[in-house]
Amino acid sequence: MDEKTLRERLAKLHAELANAHQENPATRQSLGDILPDVKRMVDEPAGAADSAIDKTLPDRLERVAVQFEAEHPTLAASARRLIDLLSEVGI
């Protein structure tokens, strides 16, 4: 996947997660520490983001996806798409 496509997909997923974060107070705590990491991936130049991203982000996203699977299926799906993206880029 090329850099531009990756950044576009990350930006879209960040927006979905941020929207869920704002609309539902129950998601705030779970997403509060993940959103800055995703935002940093979107904003930082290629290569710099890899060193700055916490390698536990995929595991934290998986916990969010599991937590919200029943009550927030759209949020769970967004988290899983982000996990797949991170896997594609080797994180």
Protein backbone atom coordinates (compact mmCIF):
# COMPACT_ATOMS: atom_id res chain seq x y z
CA MET A 1 0.00 0.00 0.00
CA ASP A 2 1.41 3.39 -0.92
CA GLU A 3 2.05 6.10 1.66
CA LYS A 4 -0.75 8.39 0.45
CA THR A 5 -3.39 5.66 0.64
CA LEU A 6 -2.21 4.63 4.09
CA ARG A 7 -2.37 8.21 5.39
CA GLU A 8 -5.87 8.69 3.91
CA ARG A 9 -7.16 5.50 5.50
CA LEU A 10 -5.58 6.37 8.84
CA ALA A 11 -7.13 9.85 8.73
CA LYS A 12 -10.57 8.40 7.99
CA LEU A 13 -10.32 5.88 10.81
CA HIS A 14 -9.05 8.54 13.19
CA ALA A 15 -12.09 10.67 12.35
CA GLU A 16 -14.44 7.75 13.01
CA LEU A 17 -12.80 7.02 16.37
CA ALA A 18 -12.77 10.71 17.32
CA ASN A 19 -16.46 11.00 16.45
CA ALA A 20 -17.30 8.01 18.64
CA HIS A 21 -15.14 9.51 21.38
CA GLN A 22 -17.16 12.75 21.32
CA GLU A 23 -20.61 11.21 20.98
CA ASN A 24 -20.41 8.59 23.68
CA PRO A 25 -18.97 9.34 27.13
CA ALA A 26 -18.51 5.62 27.76
CA THR A 27 -15.93 5.44 24.98
CA ARG A 28 -13.86 8.39 26.19
CA GLN A 29 -11.71 6.48 28.64
CA SER A 30 -11.01 3.60 26.27
CA LEU A 31 -10.19 5.82 23.30
CA GLY A 32 -8.50 8.63 25.19
CA ASP A 33 -5.04 7.09 25.07
CA ILE A 34 -5.39 5.60 21.57
CA LEU A 35 -6.49 8.67 19.61
CA PRO A 36 -3.24 10.62 20.12
CA ASP A 37 -1.20 7.67 18.84
CA VAL A 38 -3.37 7.34 15.74
CA LYS A 39 -3.25 11.10 15.16
CA ARG A 40 0.53 11.02 15.43
CA MET A 41 0.65 8.30 12.76
CA VAL A 42 -1.43 10.48 10.44
CA ASP A 43 0.55 13.67 11.02
CA GLU A 44 4.17 12.53 11.18
CA PRO A 45 6.30 12.01 8.09
CA ALA A 46 6.95 8.49 6.86
CA GLY A 47 9.53 6.68 8.95
CA ALA A 48 9.27 9.08 11.89
CA ALA A 49 5.90 7.67 12.87
CA ASP A 50 7.26 4.12 13.08
CA SER A 51 9.72 5.03 15.80
CA ALA A 52 7.26 7.19 17.72
CA ILE A 53 4.34 4.75 17.79
CA ASP A 54 3.91 2.56 20.80
CA LYS A 55 4.17 -1.02 19.55
CA THR A 56 1.33 -1.98 21.92
CA LEU A 57 -1.18 0.04 19.87
CA PRO A 58 -2.56 -3.01 18.00
CA ASP A 59 -3.16 -4.83 21.30
CA ARG A 60 -4.85 -1.78 22.82
CA LEU A 61 -7.05 -1.43 19.73
CA GLU A 62 -8.01 -5.08 19.95
CA ARG A 63 -9.13 -4.58 23.57
CA VAL A 64 -11.27 -1.61 22.45
CA ALA A 65 -12.78 -3.67 19.63
CA VAL A 66 -13.68 -6.50 21.99
CA GLN A 67 -15.04 -4.11 24.60
CA PHE A 68 -17.37 -2.39 22.13
CA GLU A 69 -18.30 -5.34 19.93
CA ALA A 70 -21.88 -5.66 21.21
CA GLU A 71 -22.76 -2.08 22.07
CA HIS A 72 -20.78 -0.22 19.40
CA PRO A 73 -20.28 -2.49 16.38
CA THR A 74 -19.24 0.41 14.14
CA LEU A 75 -16.52 1.45 16.58
CA ALA A 76 -15.37 -2.14 16.90
CA ALA A 77 -15.17 -2.43 13.13
CA SER A 78 -13.16 0.81 12.91
CA ALA A 79 -10.72 -0.45 15.51
CA ARG A 80 -10.31 -3.74 13.66
CA ARG A 81 -9.69 -1.93 10.35
CA LEU A 82 -6.97 0.09 12.06
CA ILE A 83 -5.43 -3.08 13.46
CA ASP A 84 -5.36 -4.51 9.91
CA LEU A 85 -3.72 -1.30 8.61
CA LEU A 86 -1.05 -1.45 11.30
CA SER A 87 -0.39 -5.06 10.42
CA GLU A 88 -0.01 -4.17 6.75
CA VAL A 89 2.71 -1.65 7.59
CA GLY A 90 4.46 -3.99 10.00
CA ILE A 91 3.38 -2.57 13.36
